[in-house]
Amino acid sequence: MNAGPMASFMAEDDVTGSISTPGAGAAPLLLTNPDDWAPVRAALAQALDPQGGGAVATWENPGTGARGSILPVGAVYEADGQMCRAFVAEIDGKAPARRLQGRGCRGVDGQWTVSDLKPFGS
């Protein structure tokens, strides 16, 4: 699945990236159904983008009943040549509710990756 930003909501000069599917260790923690990854990926890209001003991004998958939100935490920072930002994710709906923390980093290729994902507060 490939989800992209909605062009009607973006200025012509906005910079975007995509977030790759999480690694095998992160995927079960973040999602209970792989079909939820497309809306989560779009919300992560929106929330972590430095032009987003730190706003919460929400997502929902009507097909699975899962939904949640991504809250960027703190400012964007550079780590190992990548632009990174910490986030807190809340996931609810049909799946058991979860609150997670992690970070997303956008490499020079424009691809976002999720790392350091764990239950919130651990």
PDB file of N, CA and C in Angstrom:
ATOM      1  N   MET A   1       0.841  -1.182   0.000  1.00  0.00           N
ATOM      2  CA  MET A   1       0.000   0.000   0.000  1.00  0.00           C
ATOM      3  C   MET A   1       0.880   1.236   0.000  1.00  0.00           C
ATOM      4  N   ASN A   2       0.444   2.241  -0.697  1.00  0.00           N
ATOM      5  CA  ASN A   2       1.219   3.472  -0.746  1.00  0.00           C
ATOM      6  C   ASN A   2       0.284   4.630  -0.436  1.00  0.00           C
ATOM      7  N   ALA A   3       0.501   5.277   0.687  1.00  0.00           N
ATOM      8  CA  ALA A   3      -0.324   6.423   1.068  1.00  0.00           C
ATOM      9  C   ALA A   3       0.509   7.677   0.931  1.00  0.00           C
ATOM     10  N   GLY A   4      -0.037   8.668   0.296  1.00  0.00           N
ATOM     11  CA  GLY A   4       0.695   9.913   0.135  1.00  0.00           C
ATOM     12  C   GLY A   4      -0.101  11.060   0.688  1.00  0.00           C
ATOM     13  N   PRO A   5       0.532  12.203   0.793  1.00  0.00           N
ATOM     14  CA  PRO A   5      -0.182  13.367   1.311  1.00  0.00           C
ATOM     15  C   PRO A   5      -1.273  13.806   0.346  1.00  0.00           C
ATOM     16  N   MET A   6      -2.259  14.447   0.879  1.00  0.00           N
ATOM     17  CA  MET A   6      -3.344  14.943   0.051  1.00  0.00           C
ATOM     18  C   MET A   6      -2.912  16.276  -0.542  1.00  0.00           C
ATOM     19  N   ALA A   7      -2.768  16.327  -1.837  1.00  0.00           N
ATOM     20  CA  ALA A   7      -2.212  17.489  -2.515  1.00  0.00           C
ATOM     21  C   ALA A   7      -2.989  18.764  -2.240  1.00  0.00           C
ATOM     22  N   SER A   8      -4.289  18.660  -2.065  1.00  0.00           N
ATOM     23  CA  SER A   8      -5.088  19.864  -1.858  1.00  0.00           C
ATOM     24  C   SER A   8      -4.789  20.558  -0.538  1.00  0.00           C
ATOM     25  N   PHE A   9      -4.148  19.865   0.402  1.00  0.00           N
ATOM     26  CA  PHE A   9      -3.821  20.447   1.698  1.00  0.00           C
ATOM     27  C   PHE A   9      -2.377  20.916   1.789  1.00  0.00           C
ATOM     28  N   MET A  10      -1.638  20.819   0.722  1.00  0.00           N
ATOM     29  CA  MET A  10      -0.219  21.132   0.780  1.00  0.00           C
ATOM     30  C   MET A  10       0.140  22.273  -0.163  1.00  0.00           C
ATOM     31  N   ALA A  11       1.046  23.114   0.301  1.00  0.00           N
ATOM     32  CA  ALA A  11       1.577  24.153  -0.565  1.00  0.00           C
ATOM     33  C   ALA A  11       2.542  23.495  -1.538  1.00  0.00           C
ATOM     34  N   GLU A  12       2.776  24.147  -2.655  1.00  0.00           N
ATOM     35  CA  GLU A  12       3.613  23.586  -3.695  1.00  0.00           C
ATOM     36  C   GLU A  12       5.040  23.307  -3.237  1.00  0.00           C
ATOM     37  N   ASP A  13       5.575  24.082  -2.299  1.00  0.00           N
ATOM     38  CA  ASP A  13       6.965  23.926  -1.903  1.00  0.00           C
ATOM     39  C   ASP A  13       7.143  23.094  -0.631  1.00  0.00           C
ATOM     40  N   ASP A  14       6.071  22.422  -0.142  1.00  0.00           N
ATOM     41  CA  ASP A  14       6.220  21.591   1.053  1.00  0.00           C
ATOM     42  C   ASP A  14       7.130  20.411   0.750  1.00  0.00           C
ATOM     43  N   VAL A  15       7.981  20.085   1.716  1.00  0.00           N
ATOM     44  CA  VAL A  15       8.873  18.949   1.600  1.00  0.00           C
ATOM     45  C   VAL A  15       8.239  17.798   2.357  1.00  0.00           C
ATOM     46  N   THR A  16       8.173  16.647   1.717  1.00  0.00           N
ATOM     47  CA  THR A  16       7.589  15.486   2.370  1.00  0.00           C
ATOM     48  C   THR A  16       8.555  14.316   2.286  1.00  0.00           C
ATOM     49  N   GLY A  17       8.263  13.301   3.014  1.00  0.00           N
ATOM     50  CA  GLY A  17       9.036  12.069   2.966  1.00  0.00           C
ATOM     51  C   GLY A  17       8.080  10.933   3.226  1.00  0.00           C
ATOM     52  N   SER A  18       8.603   9.736   3.227  1.00  0.00           N
ATOM     53  CA  SER A  18       7.767   8.600   3.549  1.00  0.00           C
ATOM     54  C   SER A  18       8.426   7.842   4.683  1.00  0.00           C
ATOM     55  N   ILE A  19       7.651   7.031   5.350  1.00  0.00           N
ATOM     56  CA  ILE A  19       8.156   6.254   6.459  1.00  0.00           C
ATOM     57  C   ILE A  19       8.101   4.799   6.054  1.00  0.00           C
ATOM     58  N   SER A  20       9.223   4.132   6.157  1.00  0.00           N
ATOM     59  CA  SER A  20       9.277   2.733   5.767  1.00  0.00           C
ATOM     60  C   SER A  20       8.536   1.880   6.801  1.00  0.00           C
ATOM     61  N   THR A  21       8.165   0.692   6.370  1.00  0.00           N
ATOM     62  CA  THR A  21       7.509  -0.242   7.270  1.00  0.00           C
ATOM     63  C   THR A  21       8.440  -0.523   8.435  1.00  0.00           C
ATOM     64  N   PRO A  22       7.918  -0.556   9.656  1.00  0.00           N
ATOM     65  CA  PRO A  22       8.799  -0.768  10.801  1.00  0.00           C
ATOM     66  C   PRO A  22       9.447  -2.132  10.746  1.00  0.00           C
ATOM     67  N   GLY A  23      10.590  -2.264  11.397  1.00  0.00           N
ATOM     68  CA  GLY A  23      11.291  -3.535  11.462  1.00  0.00           C
ATOM     69  C   GLY A  23      10.463  -4.578  12.173  1.00  0.00           C
ATOM     70  N   ALA A  24      10.885  -5.807  12.066  1.00  0.00           N
ATOM     71  CA  ALA A  24      10.136  -6.924  12.627  1.00  0.00           C
ATOM     72  C   ALA A  24       9.869  -6.750  14.119  1.00  0.00           C
ATOM     73  N   GLY A  25      10.790  -6.158  14.868  1.00  0.00           N
ATOM     74  CA  GLY A  25      10.596  -5.967  16.294  1.00  0.00           C
ATOM     75  C   GLY A  25       9.592  -4.880  16.618  1.00  0.00           C
ATOM     76  N   ALA A  26       9.517  -3.840  15.794  1.00  0.00           N
ATOM     77  CA  ALA A  26       8.643  -2.711  16.071  1.00  0.00           C
ATOM     78  C   ALA A  26       7.219  -2.940  15.590  1.00  0.00           C
ATOM     79  N   ALA A  27       7.040  -3.660  14.495  1.00  0.00           N
ATOM     80  CA  ALA A  27       5.713  -3.814  13.901  1.00  0.00           C
ATOM     81  C   ALA A  27       4.682  -4.379  14.864  1.00  0.00           C
ATOM     82  N   PRO A  28       4.949  -5.479  15.581  1.00  0.00           N
ATOM     83  CA  PRO A  28       3.926  -6.004  16.487  1.00  0.00           C
ATOM     84  C   PRO A  28       3.617  -5.044  17.636  1.00  0.00           C
ATOM     85  N   LEU A  29       4.583  -4.268  18.060  1.00  0.00           N
ATOM     86  CA  LEU A  29       4.369  -3.323  19.145  1.00  0.00           C
ATOM     87  C   LEU A  29       3.492  -2.161  18.683  1.00  0.00           C
ATOM     88  N   LEU A  30       3.737  -1.695  17.461  1.00  0.00           N
ATOM     89  CA  LEU A  30       3.023  -0.537  16.932  1.00  0.00           C
ATOM     90  C   LEU A  30       1.631  -0.907  16.446  1.00  0.00           C
ATOM     91  N   LEU A  31       1.488  -2.055  15.797  1.00  0.00           N
ATOM     92  CA  LEU A  31       0.220  -2.422  15.165  1.00  0.00           C
ATOM     93  C   LEU A  31      -0.137  -3.867  15.437  1.00  0.00           C
ATOM     94  N   THR A  32      -1.417  -4.165  15.463  1.00  0.00           N
ATOM     95  CA  THR A  32      -1.839  -5.547  15.552  1.00  0.00           C
ATOM     96  C   THR A  32      -2.237  -6.074  14.182  1.00  0.00           C
ATOM     97  N   ASN A  33      -2.478  -5.203  13.218  1.00  0.00           N
ATOM     98  CA  ASN A  33      -2.873  -5.603  11.874  1.00  0.00           C
ATOM     99  C   ASN A  33      -2.015  -4.846  10.859  1.00  0.00           C
ATOM    100  N   PRO A  34      -1.323  -5.553   9.956  1.00  0.00           N
ATOM    101  CA  PRO A  34      -0.474  -4.874   8.969  1.00  0.00           C
ATOM    102  C   PRO A  34      -1.239  -3.893   8.076  1.00  0.00           C
ATOM    103  N   ASP A  35      -2.549  -4.088   7.912  1.00  0.00           N
ATOM    104  CA  ASP A  35      -3.342  -3.170   7.095  1.00  0.00           C
ATOM    105  C   ASP A  35      -3.430  -1.779   7.707  1.00  0.00           C
ATOM    106  N   ASP A  36      -3.104  -1.655   8.988  1.00  0.00           N
ATOM    107  CA  ASP A  36      -3.136  -0.344   9.645  1.00  0.00           C
ATOM    108  C   ASP A  36      -1.904   0.497   9.322  1.00  0.00           C
ATOM    109  N   TRP A  37      -0.879  -0.103   8.735  1.00  0.00           N
ATOM    110  CA  TRP A  37       0.377   0.621   8.540  1.00  0.00           C
ATOM    111  C   TRP A  37       0.224   1.819   7.607  1.00  0.00           C
ATOM    112  N   ALA A  38      -0.588   1.742   6.565  1.00  0.00           N
ATOM    113  CA  ALA A  38      -0.731   2.875   5.638  1.00  0.00           C
ATOM    114  C   ALA A  38      -1.231   4.140   6.336  1.00  0.00           C
ATOM    115  N   PRO A  39      -2.332   4.097   7.114  1.00  0.00           N
ATOM    116  CA  PRO A  39      -2.758   5.325   7.782  1.00  0.00           C
ATOM    117  C   PRO A  39      -1.791   5.761   8.885  1.00  0.00           C
ATOM    118  N   VAL A  40      -1.141   4.807   9.551  1.00  0.00           N
ATOM    119  CA  VAL A  40      -0.158   5.173  10.580  1.00  0.00           C
ATOM    120  C   VAL A  40       1.026   5.878   9.927  1.00  0.00           C
ATOM    121  N   ARG A  41       1.495   5.361   8.803  1.00  0.00           N
ATOM    122  CA  ARG A  41       2.631   5.948   8.086  1.00  0.00           C
ATOM    123  C   ARG A  41       2.326   7.397   7.691  1.00  0.00           C
ATOM    124  N   ALA A  42       1.133   7.652   7.204  1.00  0.00           N
ATOM    125  CA  ALA A  42       0.761   9.016   6.810  1.00  0.00           C
ATOM    126  C   ALA A  42       0.721   9.942   8.034  1.00  0.00           C
ATOM    127  N   ALA A  43       0.180   9.458   9.157  1.00  0.00           N
ATOM    128  CA  ALA A  43       0.113  10.283  10.374  1.00  0.00           C
ATOM    129  C   ALA A  43       1.504  10.557  10.930  1.00  0.00           C
ATOM    130  N   LEU A  44       2.387   9.565  10.908  1.00  0.00           N
ATOM    131  CA  LEU A  44       3.758   9.774  11.374  1.00  0.00           C
ATOM    132  C   LEU A  44       4.471  10.827  10.536  1.00  0.00           C
ATOM    133  N   ALA A  45       4.358  10.715   9.222  1.00  0.00           N
ATOM    134  CA  ALA A  45       5.015  11.690   8.344  1.00  0.00           C
ATOM    135  C   ALA A  45       4.504  13.099   8.613  1.00  0.00           C
ATOM    136  N   GLN A  46       3.204  13.230   8.821  1.00  0.00           N
ATOM    137  CA  GLN A  46       2.614  14.539   9.103  1.00  0.00           C
ATOM    138  C   GLN A  46       3.079  15.071  10.455  1.00  0.00           C
ATOM    139  N   ALA A  47       3.051  14.228  11.486  1.00  0.00           N
ATOM    140  CA  ALA A  47       3.398  14.670  12.832  1.00  0.00           C
ATOM    141  C   ALA A  47       4.875  15.000  12.974  1.00  0.00           C
ATOM    142  N   LEU A  48       5.745  14.227  12.341  1.00  0.00           N
ATOM    143  CA  LEU A  48       7.181  14.409  12.524  1.00  0.00           C
ATOM    144  C   LEU A  48       7.776  15.485  11.635  1.00  0.00           C
ATOM    145  N   ASP A  49       7.070  15.875  10.593  1.00  0.00           N
ATOM    146  CA  ASP A  49       7.588  16.894   9.672  1.00  0.00           C
ATOM    147  C   ASP A  49       7.860  18.184  10.435  1.00  0.00           C
ATOM    148  N   PRO A  50       9.067  18.730  10.313  1.00  0.00           N
ATOM    149  CA  PRO A  50       9.391  19.956  11.052  1.00  0.00           C
ATOM    150  C   PRO A  50       8.525  21.149  10.665  1.00  0.00           C
ATOM    151  N   GLN A  51       7.899  21.117   9.491  1.00  0.00           N
ATOM    152  CA  GLN A  51       7.028  22.209   9.087  1.00  0.00           C
ATOM    153  C   GLN A  51       5.641  22.087   9.710  1.00  0.00           C
ATOM    154  N   GLY A  52       5.385  20.983  10.409  1.00  0.00           N
ATOM    155  CA  GLY A  52       4.071  20.740  11.004  1.00  0.00           C
ATOM    156  C   GLY A  52       3.816  21.487  12.295  1.00  0.00           C
ATOM    157  N   GLY A  53       4.828  22.094  12.876  1.00  0.00           N
ATOM    158  CA  GLY A  53       4.633  22.890  14.076  1.00  0.00           C
ATOM    159  C   GLY A  53       4.308  22.095  15.325  1.00  0.00           C
ATOM    160  N   GLY A  54       4.576  20.803  15.339  1.00  0.00           N
ATOM    161  CA  GLY A  54       4.341  20.009  16.544  1.00  0.00           C
ATOM    162  C   GLY A  54       2.906  19.613  16.783  1.00  0.00           C
ATOM    163  N   ALA A  55       2.078  19.648  15.748  1.00  0.00           N
ATOM    164  CA  ALA A  55       0.660  19.310  15.904  1.00  0.00           C
ATOM    165  C   ALA A  55       0.449  17.802  15.961  1.00  0.00           C
ATOM    166  N   VAL A  56      -0.555  17.390  16.698  1.00  0.00           N
ATOM    167  CA  VAL A  56      -0.957  15.988  16.770  1.00  0.00           C
ATOM    168  C   VAL A  56      -1.545  15.581  15.422  1.00  0.00           C
ATOM    169  N   ALA A  57      -1.205  14.388  14.974  1.00  0.00           N
ATOM    170  CA  ALA A  57      -1.791  13.833  13.756  1.00  0.00           C
ATOM    171  C   ALA A  57      -2.567  12.583  14.149  1.00  0.00           C
ATOM    172  N   THR A  58      -3.775  12.445  13.625  1.00  0.00           N
ATOM    173  CA  THR A  58      -4.599  11.282  13.942  1.00  0.00           C
ATOM    174  C   THR A  58      -4.704  10.372  12.727  1.00  0.00           C
ATOM    175  N   TRP A  59      -5.024   9.129  12.979  1.00  0.00           N
ATOM    176  CA  TRP A  59      -5.219   8.156  11.901  1.00  0.00           C
ATOM    177  C   TRP A  59      -6.357   7.220  12.282  1.00  0.00           C
ATOM    178  N   GLU A  60      -6.924   6.605  11.257  1.00  0.00           N
ATOM    179  CA  GLU A  60      -8.000   5.641  11.472  1.00  0.00           C
ATOM    180  C   GLU A  60      -8.053   4.699  10.289  1.00  0.00           C
ATOM    181  N   ASN A  61      -8.314   3.441  10.562  1.00  0.00           N
ATOM    182  CA  ASN A  61      -8.533   2.455   9.516  1.00  0.00           C
ATOM    183  C   ASN A  61      -9.921   1.877   9.713  1.00  0.00           C
ATOM    184  N   PRO A  62     -10.919   2.366   8.935  1.00  0.00           N
ATOM    185  CA  PRO A  62     -12.286   1.868   9.099  1.00  0.00           C
ATOM    186  C   PRO A  62     -12.396   0.365   8.863  1.00  0.00           C
ATOM    187  N   GLY A  63     -11.496  -0.181   8.045  1.00  0.00           N
ATOM    188  CA  GLY A  63     -11.542  -1.616   7.757  1.00  0.00           C
ATOM    189  C   GLY A  63     -11.220  -2.488   8.950  1.00  0.00           C
ATOM    190  N   THR A  64     -10.350  -2.030   9.839  1.00  0.00           N
ATOM    191  CA  THR A  64      -9.966  -2.832  11.002  1.00  0.00           C
ATOM    192  C   THR A  64     -10.546  -2.273  12.303  1.00  0.00           C
ATOM    193  N   GLY A  65     -11.037  -1.039  12.270  1.00  0.00           N
ATOM    194  CA  GLY A  65     -11.558  -0.401  13.472  1.00  0.00           C
ATOM    195  C   GLY A  65     -10.481   0.213  14.355  1.00  0.00           C
ATOM    196  N   ALA A  66      -9.233   0.126  13.930  1.00  0.00           N
ATOM    197  CA  ALA A  66      -8.133   0.700  14.718  1.00  0.00           C
ATOM    198  C   ALA A  66      -8.009   2.187  14.423  1.00  0.00           C
ATOM    199  N   ARG A  67      -7.553   2.925  15.437  1.00  0.00           N
ATOM    200  CA  ARG A  67      -7.332   4.359  15.265  1.00  0.00           C
ATOM    201  C   ARG A  67      -6.311   4.795  16.302  1.00  0.00           C
ATOM    202  N   GLY A  68      -5.800   5.987  16.128  1.00  0.00           N
ATOM    203  CA  GLY A  68      -4.836   6.487  17.101  1.00  0.00           C
ATOM    204  C   GLY A  68      -4.367   7.880  16.769  1.00  0.00           C
ATOM    205  N   SER A  69      -3.342   8.297  17.496  1.00  0.00           N
ATOM    206  CA  SER A  69      -2.778   9.622  17.288  1.00  0.00           C
ATOM    207  C   SER A  69      -1.271   9.571  17.494  1.00  0.00           C
ATOM    208  N   ILE A  70      -0.590  10.504  16.860  1.00  0.00           N
ATOM    209  CA  ILE A  70       0.857  10.641  16.970  1.00  0.00           C
ATOM    210  C   ILE A  70       1.130  12.067  17.437  1.00  0.00           C
ATOM    211  N   LEU A  71       1.823  12.203  18.553  1.00  0.00           N
ATOM    212  CA  LEU A  71       2.177  13.502  19.104  1.00  0.00           C
ATOM    213  C   LEU A  71       3.685  13.671  19.032  1.00  0.00           C
ATOM    214  N   PRO A  72       4.177  14.639  18.225  1.00  0.00           N
ATOM    215  CA  PRO A  72       5.614  14.896  18.232  1.00  0.00           C
ATOM    216  C   PRO A  72       6.021  15.484  19.582  1.00  0.00           C
ATOM    217  N   VAL A  73       7.166  15.065  20.071  1.00  0.00           N
ATOM    218  CA  VAL A  73       7.636  15.502  21.381  1.00  0.00           C
ATOM    219  C   VAL A  73       8.970  16.209  21.193  1.00  0.00           C
ATOM    220  N   GLY A  74       9.024  17.462  21.582  1.00  0.00           N
ATOM    221  CA  GLY A  74      10.270  18.210  21.467  1.00  0.00           C
ATOM    222  C   GLY A  74      10.539  18.672  20.048  1.00  0.00           C
ATOM    223  N   ALA A  75      11.685  19.274  19.901  1.00  0.00           N
ATOM    224  CA  ALA A  75      12.085  19.849  18.621  1.00  0.00           C
ATOM    225  C   ALA A  75      12.762  18.802  17.738  1.00  0.00           C
ATOM    226  N   VAL A  76      12.818  19.108  16.466  1.00  0.00           N
ATOM    227  CA  VAL A  76      13.566  18.290  15.519  1.00  0.00           C
ATOM    228  C   VAL A  76      15.048  18.446  15.855  1.00  0.00           C
ATOM    229  N   TYR A  77      15.793  17.355  15.758  1.00  0.00           N
ATOM    230  CA  TYR A  77      17.225  17.403  16.025  1.00  0.00           C
ATOM    231  C   TYR A  77      17.961  16.539  15.009  1.00  0.00           C
ATOM    232  N   GLU A  78      19.262  16.739  14.896  1.00  0.00           N
ATOM    233  CA  GLU A  78      20.065  15.965  13.970  1.00  0.00           C
ATOM    234  C   GLU A  78      20.812  14.881  14.730  1.00  0.00           C
ATOM    235  N   ALA A  79      20.804  13.665  14.168  1.00  0.00           N
ATOM    236  CA  ALA A  79      21.536  12.539  14.733  1.00  0.00           C
ATOM    237  C   ALA A  79      22.084  11.701  13.582  1.00  0.00           C
ATOM    238  N   ASP A  80      23.374  11.534  13.560  1.00  0.00           N
ATOM    239  CA  ASP A  80      24.022  10.727  12.514  1.00  0.00           C
ATOM    240  C   ASP A  80      23.638  11.171  11.105  1.00  0.00           C
ATOM    241  N   GLY A  81      23.569  12.482  10.902  1.00  0.00           N
ATOM    242  CA  GLY A  81      23.260  13.014   9.582  1.00  0.00           C
ATOM    243  C   GLY A  81      21.800  12.920   9.188  1.00  0.00           C
ATOM    244  N   GLN A  82      20.934  12.567  10.124  1.00  0.00           N
ATOM    245  CA  GLN A  82      19.508  12.455   9.842  1.00  0.00           C
ATOM    246  C   GLN A  82      18.735  13.445  10.700  1.00  0.00           C
ATOM    247  N   MET A  83      17.597  13.884  10.178  1.00  0.00           N
ATOM    248  CA  MET A  83      16.690  14.741  10.930  1.00  0.00           C
ATOM    249  C   MET A  83      15.771  13.816  11.722  1.00  0.00           C
ATOM    250  N   CYS A  84      15.706  14.007  13.050  1.00  0.00           N
ATOM    251  CA  CYS A  84      14.944  13.110  13.921  1.00  0.00           C
ATOM    252  C   CYS A  84      13.979  13.897  14.801  1.00  0.00           C
ATOM    253  N   ARG A  85      12.979  13.180  15.278  1.00  0.00           N
ATOM    254  CA  ARG A  85      12.024  13.769  16.216  1.00  0.00           C
ATOM    255  C   ARG A  85      11.409  12.648  17.046  1.00  0.00           C
ATOM    256  N   ALA A  86      11.323  12.869  18.338  1.00  0.00           N
ATOM    257  CA  ALA A  86      10.681  11.901  19.235  1.00  0.00           C
ATOM    258  C   ALA A  86       9.167  12.048  19.115  1.00  0.00           C
ATOM    259  N   PHE A  87       8.456  10.962  19.431  1.00  0.00           N
ATOM    260  CA  PHE A  87       6.995  11.015  19.386  1.00  0.00           C
ATOM    261  C   PHE A  87       6.395  10.078  20.421  1.00  0.00           C
ATOM    262  N   VAL A  88       5.136  10.340  20.728  1.00  0.00           N
ATOM    263  CA  VAL A  88       4.318   9.460  21.550  1.00  0.00           C
ATOM    264  C   VAL A  88       3.127   9.067  20.688  1.00  0.00           C
ATOM    265  N   ALA A  89       2.846   7.777  20.637  1.00  0.00           N
ATOM    266  CA  ALA A  89       1.729   7.268  19.846  1.00  0.00           C
ATOM    267  C   ALA A  89       0.700   6.645  20.771  1.00  0.00           C
ATOM    268  N   GLU A  90      -0.564   6.942  20.520  1.00  0.00           N
ATOM    269  CA  GLU A  90      -1.661   6.289  21.222  1.00  0.00           C
ATOM    270  C   GLU A  90      -2.459   5.508  20.195  1.00  0.00           C
ATOM    271  N   ILE A  91      -2.715   4.252  20.502  1.00  0.00           N
ATOM    272  CA  ILE A  91      -3.423   3.373  19.578  1.00  0.00           C
ATOM    273  C   ILE A  91      -4.605   2.781  20.322  1.00  0.00           C
ATOM    274  N   ASP A  92      -5.800   2.867  19.712  1.00  0.00           N
ATOM    275  CA  ASP A  92      -6.983   2.269  20.324  1.00  0.00           C
ATOM    276  C   ASP A  92      -7.909   1.788  19.222  1.00  0.00           C
ATOM    277  N   GLY A  93      -9.143   1.584  19.533  1.00  0.00           N
ATOM    278  CA  GLY A  93     -10.079   1.009  18.583  1.00  0.00           C
ATOM    279  C   GLY A  93     -10.360  -0.415  18.995  1.00  0.00           C
ATOM    280  N   LYS A  94     -10.416  -1.340  18.037  1.00  0.00           N
ATOM    281  CA  LYS A  94     -10.694  -2.740  18.351  1.00  0.00           C
ATOM    282  C   LYS A  94      -9.522  -3.415  19.060  1.00  0.00           C
ATOM    283  N   ALA A  95      -8.310  -2.952  18.785  1.00  0.00           N
ATOM    284  CA  ALA A  95      -7.126  -3.536  19.431  1.00  0.00           C
ATOM    285  C   ALA A  95      -7.020  -3.027  20.861  1.00  0.00           C
ATOM    286  N   PRO A  96      -6.290  -3.748  21.713  1.00  0.00           N
ATOM    287  CA  PRO A  96      -6.078  -3.215  23.069  1.00  0.00           C
ATOM    288  C   PRO A  96      -5.375  -1.852  22.988  1.00  0.00           C
ATOM    289  N   ALA A  97      -5.835  -0.902  23.787  1.00  0.00           N
ATOM    290  CA  ALA A  97      -5.245   0.436  23.784  1.00  0.00           C
ATOM    291  C   ALA A  97      -3.786   0.348  24.224  1.00  0.00           C
ATOM    292  N   ARG A  98      -2.940   1.126  23.539  1.00  0.00           N
ATOM    293  CA  ARG A  98      -1.515   1.153  23.858  1.00  0.00           C
ATOM    294  C   ARG A  98      -1.015   2.577  23.743  1.00  0.00           C
ATOM    295  N   ARG A  99      -0.020   2.897  24.552  1.00  0.00           N
ATOM    296  CA  ARG A  99       0.675   4.175  24.457  1.00  0.00           C
ATOM    297  C   ARG A  99       2.155   3.844  24.305  1.00  0.00           C
ATOM    298  N   LEU A 100       2.756   4.337  23.232  1.00  0.00           N
ATOM    299  CA  LEU A 100       4.135   4.019  22.895  1.00  0.00           C
ATOM    300  C   LEU A 100       4.953   5.285  22.750  1.00  0.00           C
ATOM    301  N   GLN A 101       6.257   5.143  22.869  1.00  0.00           N
ATOM    302  CA  GLN A 101       7.165   6.253  22.595  1.00  0.00           C
ATOM    303  C   GLN A 101       8.250   5.740  21.658  1.00  0.00           C
ATOM    304  N   GLY A 102       8.761   6.639  20.844  1.00  0.00           N
ATOM    305  CA  GLY A 102       9.811   6.261  19.908  1.00  0.00           C
ATOM    306  C   GLY A 102      10.369   7.488  19.238  1.00  0.00           C
ATOM    307  N   ARG A 103      11.101   7.259  18.175  1.00  0.00           N
ATOM    308  CA  ARG A 103      11.597   8.373  17.386  1.00  0.00           C
ATOM    309  C   ARG A 103      11.558   7.991  15.920  1.00  0.00           C
ATOM    310  N   GLY A 104      11.378   9.006  15.110  1.00  0.00           N
ATOM    311  CA  GLY A 104      11.423   8.833  13.676  1.00  0.00           C
ATOM    312  C   GLY A 104      12.555   9.691  13.137  1.00  0.00           C
ATOM    313  N   CYS A 105      13.292   9.150  12.181  1.00  0.00           N
ATOM    314  CA  CYS A 105      14.398   9.894  11.574  1.00  0.00           C
ATOM    315  C   CYS A 105      14.258   9.851  10.060  1.00  0.00           C
ATOM    316  N   ARG A 106      14.510  10.994   9.430  1.00  0.00           N
ATOM    317  CA  ARG A 106      14.459  11.083   7.968  1.00  0.00           C
ATOM    318  C   ARG A 106      15.878  11.207   7.471  1.00  0.00           C
ATOM    319  N   GLY A 107      16.286  10.237   6.669  1.00  0.00           N
ATOM    320  CA  GLY A 107      17.622  10.217   6.104  1.00  0.00           C
ATOM    321  C   GLY A 107      17.754  11.159   4.919  1.00  0.00           C
ATOM    322  N   VAL A 108      18.948  11.235   4.379  1.00  0.00           N
ATOM    323  CA  VAL A 108      19.207  12.110   3.232  1.00  0.00           C
ATOM    324  C   VAL A 108      18.405  11.681   2.008  1.00  0.00           C
ATOM    325  N   ASP A 109      17.968  10.417   1.990  1.00  0.00           N
ATOM    326  CA  ASP A 109      17.150   9.934   0.868  1.00  0.00           C
ATOM    327  C   ASP A 109      15.676  10.320   1.009  1.00  0.00           C
ATOM    328  N   GLY A 110      15.307  10.993   2.131  1.00  0.00           N
ATOM    329  CA  GLY A 110      13.928  11.418   2.342  1.00  0.00           C
ATOM    330  C   GLY A 110      13.058  10.370   3.002  1.00  0.00           C
ATOM    331  N   GLN A 111      13.573   9.180   3.239  1.00  0.00           N
ATOM    332  CA  GLN A 111      12.808   8.107   3.859  1.00  0.00           C
ATOM    333  C   GLN A 111      12.852   8.221   5.383  1.00  0.00           C
ATOM    334  N   TRP A 112      11.701   8.096   6.019  1.00  0.00           N
ATOM    335  CA  TRP A 112      11.607   8.101   7.480  1.00  0.00           C
ATOM    336  C   TRP A 112      11.708   6.669   7.978  1.00  0.00           C
ATOM    337  N   THR A 113      12.377   6.480   9.103  1.00  0.00           N
ATOM    338  CA  THR A 113      12.418   5.183   9.761  1.00  0.00           C
ATOM    339  C   THR A 113      12.016   5.386  11.227  1.00  0.00           C
ATOM    340  N   VAL A 114      11.368   4.392  11.790  1.00  0.00           N
ATOM    341  CA  VAL A 114      10.946   4.433  13.177  1.00  0.00           C
ATOM    342  C   VAL A 114      11.935   3.599  13.984  1.00  0.00           C
ATOM    343  N   SER A 115      12.390   4.135  15.108  1.00  0.00           N
ATOM    344  CA  SER A 115      13.317   3.390  15.957  1.00  0.00           C
ATOM    345  C   SER A 115      13.011   3.670  17.426  1.00  0.00           C
ATOM    346  N   ASP A 116      13.669   2.923  18.281  1.00  0.00           N
ATOM    347  CA  ASP A 116      13.549   3.099  19.736  1.00  0.00           C
ATOM    348  C   ASP A 116      12.090   3.016  20.192  1.00  0.00           C
ATOM    349  N   LEU A 117      11.281   2.218  19.534  1.00  0.00           N
ATOM    350  CA  LEU A 117       9.865   2.107  19.870  1.00  0.00           C
ATOM    351  C   LEU A 117       9.690   1.189  21.070  1.00  0.00           C
ATOM    352  N   LYS A 118       8.972   1.672  22.092  1.00  0.00           N
ATOM    353  CA  LYS A 118       8.743   0.893  23.305  1.00  0.00           C
ATOM    354  C   LYS A 118       7.509   1.434  24.015  1.00  0.00           C
ATOM    355  N   PRO A 119       6.982   0.669  24.952  1.00  0.00           N
ATOM    356  CA  PRO A 119       5.831   1.171  25.718  1.00  0.00           C
ATOM    357  C   PRO A 119       6.193   2.480  26.406  1.00  0.00           C
ATOM    358  N   PHE A 120       5.242   3.390  26.464  1.00  0.00           N
ATOM    359  CA  PHE A 120       5.477   4.705  27.054  1.00  0.00           C
ATOM    360  C   PHE A 120       5.902   4.575  28.514  1.00  0.00           C
ATOM    361  N   GLY A 121       6.935   5.319  28.858  1.00  0.00           N
ATOM    362  CA  GLY A 121       7.419   5.343  30.231  1.00  0.00           C
ATOM    363  C   GLY A 121       8.398   4.255  30.597  1.00  0.00           C
ATOM    364  N   SER A 122       8.731   3.399  29.637  1.00  0.00           N
ATOM    365  CA  SER A 122       9.682   2.320  29.982  1.00  0.00           C
ATOM    366  C   SER A 122      11.084   2.637  29.510  1.00  0.00           C
TER     367      SER A 122
END
